[in-house]
């Protein structure tokens, strides 16, 4: 196997499971769900259903930039751990992404 194949298999998570896509809804100045558990290689989509822009920002891990009202942004989980994230525009909006 090539190194690229080994990396691809490692990103699939347990037992070679295919990556999944999860959605976090931003609505009412909240991230829903406030805690989401995923596997490495899974895609997480933040969908902004509020009338104002938001961000999804985990210091040192990911930063969506501004997600305008009615728009979305996605991230592929690449390393295990608990990533606490926040909306930098509305710092009371907090949630956790747990990557296994």
PDB file of N, CA and C in Angstrom:
ATOM      1  N   UNK A   1       0.838  -1.190   0.000  1.00  0.00           N
ATOM      2  CA  UNK A   1       0.000   0.000   0.000  1.00  0.00           C
ATOM      3  C   UNK A   1       0.870   1.236   0.000  1.00  0.00           C
ATOM      4  N   UNK A   2       0.398   2.239  -0.681  1.00  0.00           N
ATOM      5  CA  UNK A   2       1.129   3.502  -0.701  1.00  0.00           C
ATOM      6  C   UNK A   2       0.812   4.296   0.562  1.00  0.00           C
ATOM      7  N   UNK A   3       1.633   5.292   0.845  1.00  0.00           N
ATOM      8  CA  UNK A   3       1.396   6.156   2.008  1.00  0.00           C
ATOM      9  C   UNK A   3       0.057   6.869   1.869  1.00  0.00           C
ATOM     10  N   UNK A   4      -0.296   7.292   0.658  1.00  0.00           N
ATOM     11  CA  UNK A   4      -1.573   7.985   0.441  1.00  0.00           C
ATOM     12  C   UNK A   4      -2.753   7.072   0.752  1.00  0.00           C
ATOM     13  N   UNK A   5      -2.633   5.800   0.398  1.00  0.00           N
ATOM     14  CA  UNK A   5      -3.707   4.841   0.689  1.00  0.00           C
ATOM     15  C   UNK A   5      -3.854   4.645   2.187  1.00  0.00           C
ATOM     16  N   UNK A   6      -2.734   4.540   2.896  1.00  0.00           N
ATOM     17  CA  UNK A   6      -2.784   4.375   4.350  1.00  0.00           C
ATOM     18  C   UNK A   6      -3.419   5.584   5.020  1.00  0.00           C
ATOM     19  N   UNK A   7      -3.087   6.780   4.562  1.00  0.00           N
ATOM     20  CA  UNK A   7      -3.685   7.994   5.120  1.00  0.00           C
ATOM     21  C   UNK A   7      -5.184   7.996   4.851  1.00  0.00           C
ATOM     22  N   UNK A   8      -5.594   7.637   3.644  1.00  0.00           N
ATOM     23  CA  UNK A   8      -7.018   7.607   3.300  1.00  0.00           C
ATOM     24  C   UNK A   8      -7.765   6.613   4.177  1.00  0.00           C
ATOM     25  N   UNK A   9      -7.183   5.450   4.421  1.00  0.00           N
ATOM     26  CA  UNK A   9      -7.826   4.455   5.278  1.00  0.00           C
ATOM     27  C   UNK A   9      -7.918   4.950   6.714  1.00  0.00           C
ATOM     28  N   UNK A  10      -6.882   5.607   7.196  1.00  0.00           N
ATOM     29  CA  UNK A  10      -6.892   6.131   8.563  1.00  0.00           C
ATOM     30  C   UNK A  10      -7.970   7.191   8.735  1.00  0.00           C
ATOM     31  N   UNK A  11      -8.228   7.981   7.700  1.00  0.00           N
ATOM     32  CA  UNK A  11      -9.226   9.036   7.770  1.00  0.00           C
ATOM     33  C   UNK A  11     -10.646   8.483   7.777  1.00  0.00           C
ATOM     34  N   UNK A  12     -10.821   7.233   7.405  1.00  0.00           N
ATOM     35  CA  UNK A  12     -12.160   6.665   7.338  1.00  0.00           C
ATOM     36  C   UNK A  12     -12.726   6.319   8.703  1.00  0.00           C
ATOM     37  N   UNK A  13     -11.905   6.269   9.716  1.00  0.00           N
ATOM     38  CA  UNK A  13     -12.421   5.955  11.046  1.00  0.00           C
ATOM     39  C   UNK A  13     -12.473   4.463  11.275  1.00  0.00           C
ATOM     40  N   UNK A  14     -13.246   4.041  12.285  1.00  0.00           N
ATOM     41  CA  UNK A  14     -13.262   2.641  12.678  1.00  0.00           C
ATOM     42  C   UNK A  14     -13.752   1.714  11.570  1.00  0.00           C
ATOM     43  N   UNK A  15     -13.094   0.594  11.472  1.00  0.00           N
ATOM     44  CA  UNK A  15     -13.491  -0.482  10.561  1.00  0.00           C
ATOM     45  C   UNK A  15     -13.710  -0.013   9.132  1.00  0.00           C
ATOM     46  N   UNK A  16     -12.994   1.030   8.706  1.00  0.00           N
ATOM     47  CA  UNK A  16     -13.111   1.495   7.331  1.00  0.00           C
ATOM     48  C   UNK A  16     -14.460   2.105   6.996  1.00  0.00           C
ATOM     49  N   UNK A  17     -15.177   2.570   8.002  1.00  0.00           N
ATOM     50  CA  UNK A  17     -16.498   3.173   7.772  1.00  0.00           C
ATOM     51  C   UNK A  17     -16.364   4.381   6.856  1.00  0.00           C
ATOM     52  N   UNK A  18     -17.326   4.540   5.978  1.00  0.00           N
ATOM     53  CA  UNK A  18     -17.315   5.680   5.068  1.00  0.00           C
ATOM     54  C   UNK A  18     -17.558   6.964   5.865  1.00  0.00           C
ATOM     55  N   UNK A  19     -16.904   8.052   5.486  1.00  0.00           N
ATOM     56  CA  UNK A  19     -17.126   9.325   6.178  1.00  0.00           C
ATOM     57  C   UNK A  19     -18.595   9.748   6.089  1.00  0.00           C
ATOM     58  N   UNK A  20     -19.063  10.379   7.152  1.00  0.00           N
ATOM     59  CA  UNK A  20     -20.439  10.863   7.249  1.00  0.00           C
ATOM     60  C   UNK A  20     -20.459  12.384   7.167  1.00  0.00           C
ATOM     61  N   UNK A  21     -21.625  12.946   6.910  1.00  0.00           N
ATOM     62  CA  UNK A  21     -21.809  14.398   6.936  1.00  0.00           C
ATOM     63  C   UNK A  21     -22.827  14.728   8.011  1.00  0.00           C
ATOM     64  N   UNK A  22     -22.480  15.687   8.858  1.00  0.00           N
ATOM     65  CA  UNK A  22     -23.342  16.137   9.946  1.00  0.00           C
ATOM     66  C   UNK A  22     -23.626  17.624   9.763  1.00  0.00           C
ATOM     67  N   UNK A  23     -24.794  18.064  10.217  1.00  0.00           N
ATOM     68  CA  UNK A  23     -25.154  19.475  10.105  1.00  0.00           C
ATOM     69  C   UNK A  23     -25.346  20.083  11.487  1.00  0.00           C
ATOM     70  N   UNK A  24     -24.732  21.241  11.680  1.00  0.00           N
ATOM     71  CA  UNK A  24     -24.957  22.060  12.868  1.00  0.00           C
ATOM     72  C   UNK A  24     -25.771  23.250  12.391  1.00  0.00           C
ATOM     73  N   UNK A  25     -26.948  23.430  12.968  1.00  0.00           N
ATOM     74  CA  UNK A  25     -27.816  24.545  12.591  1.00  0.00           C
ATOM     75  C   UNK A  25     -27.529  25.721  13.517  1.00  0.00           C
ATOM     76  N   UNK A  26     -27.342  26.874  12.909  1.00  0.00           N
ATOM     77  CA  UNK A  26     -27.178  28.117  13.665  1.00  0.00           C
ATOM     78  C   UNK A  26     -28.504  28.849  13.571  1.00  0.00           C
ATOM     79  N   UNK A  27     -29.181  28.946  14.716  1.00  0.00           N
ATOM     80  CA  UNK A  27     -30.499  29.578  14.723  1.00  0.00           C
ATOM     81  C   UNK A  27     -30.804  30.058  16.137  1.00  0.00           C
ATOM     82  N   UNK A  28     -31.408  31.224  16.244  1.00  0.00           N
ATOM     83  CA  UNK A  28     -31.728  31.768  17.562  1.00  0.00           C
ATOM     84  C   UNK A  28     -30.478  32.058  18.368  1.00  0.00           C
ATOM     85  N   UNK A  29     -29.391  32.425  17.680  1.00  0.00           N
ATOM     86  CA  UNK A  29     -28.104  32.710  18.312  1.00  0.00           C
ATOM     87  C   UNK A  29     -27.609  31.520  19.139  1.00  0.00           C
ATOM     88  N   UNK A  30     -27.778  30.314  18.561  1.00  0.00           N
ATOM     89  CA  UNK A  30     -27.301  29.074  19.168  1.00  0.00           C
ATOM     90  C   UNK A  30     -26.759  28.143  18.090  1.00  0.00           C
ATOM     91  N   UNK A  31     -25.809  27.301  18.494  1.00  0.00           N
ATOM     92  CA  UNK A  31     -25.371  26.188  17.662  1.00  0.00           C
ATOM     93  C   UNK A  31     -26.174  24.975  18.110  1.00  0.00           C
ATOM     94  N   UNK A  32     -26.814  24.289  17.176  1.00  0.00           N
ATOM     95  CA  UNK A  32     -27.599  23.101  17.531  1.00  0.00           C
ATOM     96  C   UNK A  32     -27.174  21.935  16.648  1.00  0.00           C
ATOM     97  N   UNK A  33     -26.660  20.844  17.237  1.00  0.00           N
ATOM     98  CA  UNK A  33     -26.541  20.594  18.668  1.00  0.00           C
ATOM     99  C   UNK A  33     -25.358  21.356  19.262  1.00  0.00           C
ATOM    100  N   UNK A  34     -25.381  21.535  20.578  1.00  0.00           N
ATOM    101  CA  UNK A  34     -24.288  22.239  21.249  1.00  0.00           C
ATOM    102  C   UNK A  34     -23.086  21.330  21.458  1.00  0.00           C
ATOM    103  N   UNK A  35     -23.282  20.028  21.336  1.00  0.00           N
ATOM    104  CA  UNK A  35     -22.170  19.070  21.372  1.00  0.00           C
ATOM    105  C   UNK A  35     -22.439  18.029  20.296  1.00  0.00           C
ATOM    106  N   UNK A  36     -21.445  17.795  19.456  1.00  0.00           N
ATOM    107  CA  UNK A  36     -21.572  16.845  18.356  1.00  0.00           C
ATOM    108  C   UNK A  36     -20.346  15.945  18.355  1.00  0.00           C
ATOM    109  N   UNK A  37     -20.575  14.628  18.312  1.00  0.00           N
ATOM    110  CA  UNK A  37     -19.477  13.668  18.260  1.00  0.00           C
ATOM    111  C   UNK A  37     -19.416  13.065  16.864  1.00  0.00           C
ATOM    112  N   UNK A  38     -18.218  13.118  16.268  1.00  0.00           N
ATOM    113  CA  UNK A  38     -17.995  12.616  14.907  1.00  0.00           C
ATOM    114  C   UNK A  38     -16.719  11.784  14.896  1.00  0.00           C
ATOM    115  N   UNK A  39     -16.458  11.148  13.764  1.00  0.00           N
ATOM    116  CA  UNK A  39     -15.220  10.398  13.549  1.00  0.00           C
ATOM    117  C   UNK A  39     -14.281  11.225  12.673  1.00  0.00           C
ATOM    118  N   UNK A  40     -12.984  10.945  12.780  1.00  0.00           N
ATOM    119  CA  UNK A  40     -12.032  11.596  11.872  1.00  0.00           C
ATOM    120  C   UNK A  40     -12.451  11.303  10.431  1.00  0.00           C
ATOM    121  N   UNK A  41     -12.397  12.311   9.591  1.00  0.00           N
ATOM    122  CA  UNK A  41     -12.786  12.159   8.194  1.00  0.00           C
ATOM    123  C   UNK A  41     -14.218  12.574   7.920  1.00  0.00           C
ATOM    124  N   UNK A  42     -15.028  12.724   8.971  1.00  0.00           N
ATOM    125  CA  UNK A  42     -16.408  13.177   8.780  1.00  0.00           C
ATOM    126  C   UNK A  42     -16.443  14.664   8.438  1.00  0.00           C
ATOM    127  N   UNK A  43     -17.476  15.054   7.699  1.00  0.00           N
ATOM    128  CA  UNK A  43     -17.673  16.451   7.315  1.00  0.00           C
ATOM    129  C   UNK A  43     -18.772  17.036   8.204  1.00  0.00           C
ATOM    130  N   UNK A  44     -18.516  18.249   8.694  1.00  0.00           N
ATOM    131  CA  UNK A  44     -19.497  18.968   9.492  1.00  0.00           C
ATOM    132  C   UNK A  44     -19.857  20.230   8.715  1.00  0.00           C
ATOM    133  N   UNK A  45     -21.166  20.456   8.539  1.00  0.00           N
ATOM    134  CA  UNK A  45     -21.659  21.632   7.820  1.00  0.00           C
ATOM    135  C   UNK A  45     -22.392  22.520   8.820  1.00  0.00           C
ATOM    136  N   UNK A  46     -21.979  23.775   8.904  1.00  0.00           N
ATOM    137  CA  UNK A  46     -22.682  24.760   9.725  1.00  0.00           C
ATOM    138  C   UNK A  46     -23.615  25.531   8.806  1.00  0.00           C
ATOM    139  N   UNK A  47     -24.906  25.474   9.082  1.00  0.00           N
ATOM    140  CA  UNK A  47     -25.939  26.126   8.268  1.00  0.00           C
ATOM    141  C   UNK A  47     -26.505  27.294   9.074  1.00  0.00           C
ATOM    142  N   UNK A  48     -26.314  28.523   8.575  1.00  0.00           N
ATOM    143  CA  UNK A  48     -26.777  29.716   9.281  1.00  0.00           C
ATOM    144  C   UNK A  48     -28.217  30.030   8.898  1.00  0.00           C
ATOM    145  N   UNK A  49     -29.143  29.773   9.825  1.00  0.00           N
ATOM    146  CA  UNK A  49     -30.558  30.061   9.586  1.00  0.00           C
ATOM    147  C   UNK A  49     -31.002  31.344  10.295  1.00  0.00           C
ATOM    148  N   UNK A  50     -30.044  32.044  10.920  1.00  0.00           N
ATOM    149  CA  UNK A  50     -30.359  33.336  11.532  1.00  0.00           C
ATOM    150  C   UNK A  50     -30.367  34.427  10.458  1.00  0.00           C
ATOM    151  N   UNK A  51     -30.813  35.605  10.845  1.00  0.00           N
ATOM    152  CA  UNK A  51     -30.877  36.738   9.918  1.00  0.00           C
ATOM    153  C   UNK A  51     -29.601  37.566   9.930  1.00  0.00           C
ATOM    154  N   UNK A  52     -28.636  37.165  10.747  1.00  0.00           N
ATOM    155  CA  UNK A  52     -27.368  37.895  10.866  1.00  0.00           C
ATOM    156  C   UNK A  52     -26.208  36.931  10.642  1.00  0.00           C
ATOM    157  N   UNK A  53     -25.031  37.449  10.303  1.00  0.00           N
ATOM    158  CA  UNK A  53     -23.863  36.578  10.114  1.00  0.00           C
ATOM    159  C   UNK A  53     -23.346  36.010  11.435  1.00  0.00           C
ATOM    160  N   UNK A  54     -22.655  34.874  11.330  1.00  0.00           N
ATOM    161  CA  UNK A  54     -22.014  34.224  12.471  1.00  0.00           C
ATOM    162  C   UNK A  54     -20.694  33.627  12.000  1.00  0.00           C
ATOM    163  N   UNK A  55     -19.910  33.122  12.954  1.00  0.00           N
ATOM    164  CA  UNK A  55     -18.721  32.330  12.636  1.00  0.00           C
ATOM    165  C   UNK A  55     -18.776  31.042  13.451  1.00  0.00           C
ATOM    166  N   UNK A  56     -17.956  30.079  13.055  1.00  0.00           N
ATOM    167  CA  UNK A  56     -17.692  28.880  13.845  1.00  0.00           C
ATOM    168  C   UNK A  56     -16.173  28.819  13.936  1.00  0.00           C
ATOM    169  N   UNK A  57     -15.641  29.129  15.121  1.00  0.00           N
ATOM    170  CA  UNK A  57     -14.201  29.300  15.268  1.00  0.00           C
ATOM    171  C   UNK A  57     -13.675  28.532  16.470  1.00  0.00           C
ATOM    172  N   UNK A  58     -12.761  27.596  16.217  1.00  0.00           N
ATOM    173  CA  UNK A  58     -12.066  26.853  17.271  1.00  0.00           C
ATOM    174  C   UNK A  58     -10.599  27.257  17.175  1.00  0.00           C
ATOM    175  N   UNK A  59     -10.136  27.999  18.143  1.00  0.00           N
ATOM    176  CA  UNK A  59      -8.768  28.527  18.115  1.00  0.00           C
ATOM    177  C   UNK A  59      -7.755  27.440  17.792  1.00  0.00           C
ATOM    178  N   UNK A  60      -6.956  27.675  16.772  1.00  0.00           N
ATOM    179  CA  UNK A  60      -5.911  26.744  16.377  1.00  0.00           C
ATOM    180  C   UNK A  60      -6.373  25.528  15.591  1.00  0.00           C
ATOM    181  N   UNK A  61      -7.697  25.407  15.367  1.00  0.00           N
ATOM    182  CA  UNK A  61      -8.197  24.229  14.649  1.00  0.00           C
ATOM    183  C   UNK A  61      -8.973  24.583  13.388  1.00  0.00           C
ATOM    184  N   UNK A  62      -9.977  25.443  13.503  1.00  0.00           N
ATOM    185  CA  UNK A  62     -10.727  25.849  12.319  1.00  0.00           C
ATOM    186  C   UNK A  62     -11.345  27.223  12.531  1.00  0.00           C
ATOM    187  N   UNK A  63     -11.591  27.906  11.419  1.00  0.00           N
ATOM    188  CA  UNK A  63     -12.239  29.218  11.449  1.00  0.00           C
ATOM    189  C   UNK A  63     -13.021  29.373  10.157  1.00  0.00           C
ATOM    190  N   UNK A  64     -14.328  29.457  10.292  1.00  0.00           N
ATOM    191  CA  UNK A  64     -15.201  29.549   9.130  1.00  0.00           C
ATOM    192  C   UNK A  64     -15.110  30.890   8.426  1.00  0.00           C
ATOM    193  N   UNK A  65     -14.614  31.910   9.122  1.00  0.00           N
ATOM    194  CA  UNK A  65     -14.805  33.260   8.616  1.00  0.00           C
ATOM    195  C   UNK A  65     -16.289  33.568   8.778  1.00  0.00           C
ATOM    196  N   UNK A  66     -16.742  34.636   8.188  1.00  0.00           N
ATOM    197  CA  UNK A  66     -18.146  35.027   8.322  1.00  0.00           C
ATOM    198  C   UNK A  66     -19.040  34.108   7.502  1.00  0.00           C
ATOM    199  N   UNK A  67     -20.037  33.532   8.170  1.00  0.00           N
ATOM    200  CA  UNK A  67     -21.063  32.734   7.485  1.00  0.00           C
ATOM    201  C   UNK A  67     -22.293  33.630   7.406  1.00  0.00           C
ATOM    202  N   UNK A  68     -22.565  34.134   6.233  1.00  0.00           N
ATOM    203  CA  UNK A  68     -23.691  35.055   6.056  1.00  0.00           C
ATOM    204  C   UNK A  68     -25.024  34.347   6.301  1.00  0.00           C
ATOM    205  N   UNK A  69     -26.048  35.128   6.578  1.00  0.00           N
ATOM    206  CA  UNK A  69     -27.400  34.597   6.769  1.00  0.00           C
ATOM    207  C   UNK A  69     -27.799  33.765   5.554  1.00  0.00           C
ATOM    208  N   UNK A  70     -28.346  32.573   5.798  1.00  0.00           N
ATOM    209  CA  UNK A  70     -28.786  31.703   4.711  1.00  0.00           C
ATOM    210  C   UNK A  70     -27.670  30.929   4.031  1.00  0.00           C
ATOM    211  N   UNK A  71     -26.437  31.073   4.482  1.00  0.00           N
ATOM    212  CA  UNK A  71     -25.292  30.378   3.873  1.00  0.00           C
ATOM    213  C   UNK A  71     -24.779  29.288   4.801  1.00  0.00           C
ATOM    214  N   UNK A  72     -23.812  28.506   4.308  1.00  0.00           N
ATOM    215  CA  UNK A  72     -23.225  27.447   5.109  1.00  0.00           C
ATOM    216  C   UNK A  72     -21.718  27.395   4.894  1.00  0.00           C
ATOM    217  N   UNK A  73     -21.062  26.641   5.756  1.00  0.00           N
ATOM    218  CA  UNK A  73     -19.622  26.418   5.683  1.00  0.00           C
ATOM    219  C   UNK A  73     -19.355  25.017   6.199  1.00  0.00           C
ATOM    220  N   UNK A  74     -18.356  24.340   5.650  1.00  0.00           N
ATOM    221  CA  UNK A  74     -18.078  22.980   6.107  1.00  0.00           C
ATOM    222  C   UNK A  74     -16.607  22.796   6.468  1.00  0.00           C
ATOM    223  N   UNK A  75     -16.384  21.755   7.268  1.00  0.00           N
ATOM    224  CA  UNK A  75     -15.064  21.415   7.783  1.00  0.00           C
ATOM    225  C   UNK A  75     -14.978  19.896   7.854  1.00  0.00           C
ATOM    226  N   UNK A  76     -13.845  19.342   7.471  1.00  0.00           N
ATOM    227  CA  UNK A  76     -13.609  17.904   7.595  1.00  0.00           C
ATOM    228  C   UNK A  76     -12.730  17.682   8.820  1.00  0.00           C
ATOM    229  N   UNK A  77     -13.238  16.913   9.777  1.00  0.00           N
ATOM    230  CA  UNK A  77     -12.515  16.638  11.022  1.00  0.00           C
ATOM    231  C   UNK A  77     -11.290  15.789  10.719  1.00  0.00           C
ATOM    232  N   UNK A  78     -10.115  16.279  11.095  1.00  0.00           N
ATOM    233  CA  UNK A  78      -8.899  15.567  10.730  1.00  0.00           C
ATOM    234  C   UNK A  78      -8.123  14.989  11.903  1.00  0.00           C
ATOM    235  N   UNK A  79      -8.324  15.511  13.114  1.00  0.00           N
ATOM    236  CA  UNK A  79      -7.601  14.928  14.241  1.00  0.00           C
ATOM    237  C   UNK A  79      -8.509  14.821  15.453  1.00  0.00           C
ATOM    238  N   UNK A  80      -8.256  13.777  16.240  1.00  0.00           N
ATOM    239  CA  UNK A  80      -9.095  13.487  17.398  1.00  0.00           C
ATOM    240  C   UNK A  80      -8.917  14.534  18.487  1.00  0.00           C
ATOM    241  N   UNK A  81      -9.996  14.741  19.235  1.00  0.00           N
ATOM    242  CA  UNK A  81      -9.958  15.663  20.356  1.00  0.00           C
ATOM    243  C   UNK A  81     -11.276  16.393  20.491  1.00  0.00           C
ATOM    244  N   UNK A  82     -11.389  17.165  21.557  1.00  0.00           N
ATOM    245  CA  UNK A  82     -12.564  17.993  21.772  1.00  0.00           C
ATOM    246  C   UNK A  82     -12.220  19.414  21.365  1.00  0.00           C
ATOM    247  N   UNK A  83     -12.960  19.936  20.402  1.00  0.00           N
ATOM    248  CA  UNK A  83     -12.725  21.284  19.902  1.00  0.00           C
ATOM    249  C   UNK A  83     -13.854  22.179  20.387  1.00  0.00           C
ATOM    250  N   UNK A  84     -13.536  23.040  21.342  1.00  0.00           N
ATOM    251  CA  UNK A  84     -14.506  24.033  21.798  1.00  0.00           C
ATOM    252  C   UNK A  84     -14.501  25.145  20.757  1.00  0.00           C
ATOM    253  N   UNK A  85     -15.695  25.520  20.280  1.00  0.00           N
ATOM    254  CA  UNK A  85     -15.749  26.597  19.300  1.00  0.00           C
ATOM    255  C   UNK A  85     -16.774  27.641  19.696  1.00  0.00           C
ATOM    256  N   UNK A  86     -16.668  28.795  19.051  1.00  0.00           N
ATOM    257  CA  UNK A  86     -17.453  29.966  19.414  1.00  0.00           C
ATOM    258  C   UNK A  86     -17.763  30.767  18.159  1.00  0.00           C
ATOM    259  N   UNK A  87     -18.782  31.584  18.226  1.00  0.00           N
ATOM    260  CA  UNK A  87     -19.012  32.603  17.195  1.00  0.00           C
ATOM    261  C   UNK A  87     -18.246  33.833  17.648  1.00  0.00           C
ATOM    262  N   UNK A  88     -17.256  34.252  16.880  1.00  0.00           N
ATOM    263  CA  UNK A  88     -16.448  35.399  17.294  1.00  0.00           C
ATOM    264  C   UNK A  88     -17.242  36.701  17.256  1.00  0.00           C
ATOM    265  N   UNK A  89     -18.342  36.728  16.508  1.00  0.00           N
ATOM    266  CA  UNK A  89     -19.183  37.925  16.442  1.00  0.00           C
ATOM    267  C   UNK A  89     -20.147  37.999  17.627  1.00  0.00           C
ATOM    268  N   UNK A  90     -20.452  36.840  18.206  1.00  0.00           N
ATOM    269  CA  UNK A  90     -21.395  36.729  19.334  1.00  0.00           C
ATOM    270  C   UNK A  90     -20.803  35.726  20.324  1.00  0.00           C
ATOM    271  N   UNK A  91     -19.842  36.145  21.156  1.00  0.00           N
ATOM    272  CA  UNK A  91     -19.061  35.219  21.982  1.00  0.00           C
ATOM    273  C   UNK A  91     -19.844  34.403  23.006  1.00  0.00           C
ATOM    274  N   UNK A  92     -21.108  34.702  23.225  1.00  0.00           N
ATOM    275  CA  UNK A  92     -21.898  33.857  24.128  1.00  0.00           C
ATOM    276  C   UNK A  92     -22.356  32.578  23.429  1.00  0.00           C
ATOM    277  N   UNK A  93     -22.217  32.529  22.098  1.00  0.00           N
ATOM    278  CA  UNK A  93     -22.555  31.324  21.329  1.00  0.00           C
ATOM    279  C   UNK A  93     -21.362  30.376  21.375  1.00  0.00           C
ATOM    280  N   UNK A  94     -21.532  29.241  22.087  1.00  0.00           N
ATOM    281  CA  UNK A  94     -20.435  28.287  22.263  1.00  0.00           C
ATOM    282  C   UNK A  94     -20.961  26.875  22.037  1.00  0.00           C
ATOM    283  N   UNK A  95     -20.061  25.997  21.594  1.00  0.00           N
ATOM    284  CA  UNK A  95     -20.409  24.588  21.399  1.00  0.00           C
ATOM    285  C   UNK A  95     -19.119  23.770  21.358  1.00  0.00           C
ATOM    286  N   UNK A  96     -19.277  22.442  21.277  1.00  0.00           N
ATOM    287  CA  UNK A  96     -18.130  21.532  21.239  1.00  0.00           C
ATOM    288  C   UNK A  96     -18.282  20.542  20.092  1.00  0.00           C
ATOM    289  N   UNK A  97     -17.177  20.315  19.411  1.00  0.00           N
ATOM    290  CA  UNK A  97     -17.077  19.264  18.394  1.00  0.00           C
ATOM    291  C   UNK A  97     -16.124  18.224  18.959  1.00  0.00           C
ATOM    292  N   UNK A  98     -16.621  17.004  19.157  1.00  0.00           N
ATOM    293  CA  UNK A  98     -15.803  15.919  19.700  1.00  0.00           C
ATOM    294  C   UNK A  98     -15.462  14.981  18.542  1.00  0.00           C
ATOM    295  N   UNK A  99     -14.172  14.853  18.268  1.00  0.00           N
ATOM    296  CA  UNK A  99     -13.713  14.028  17.159  1.00  0.00           C
ATOM    297  C   UNK A  99     -13.035  12.793  17.735  1.00  0.00           C
ATOM    298  N   UNK A 100     -13.546  11.617  17.373  1.00  0.00           N
ATOM    299  CA  UNK A 100     -13.002  10.328  17.866  1.00  0.00           C
ATOM    300  C   UNK A 100     -11.970   9.789  16.909  1.00  0.00           C
TER     301      UNK A 100
END
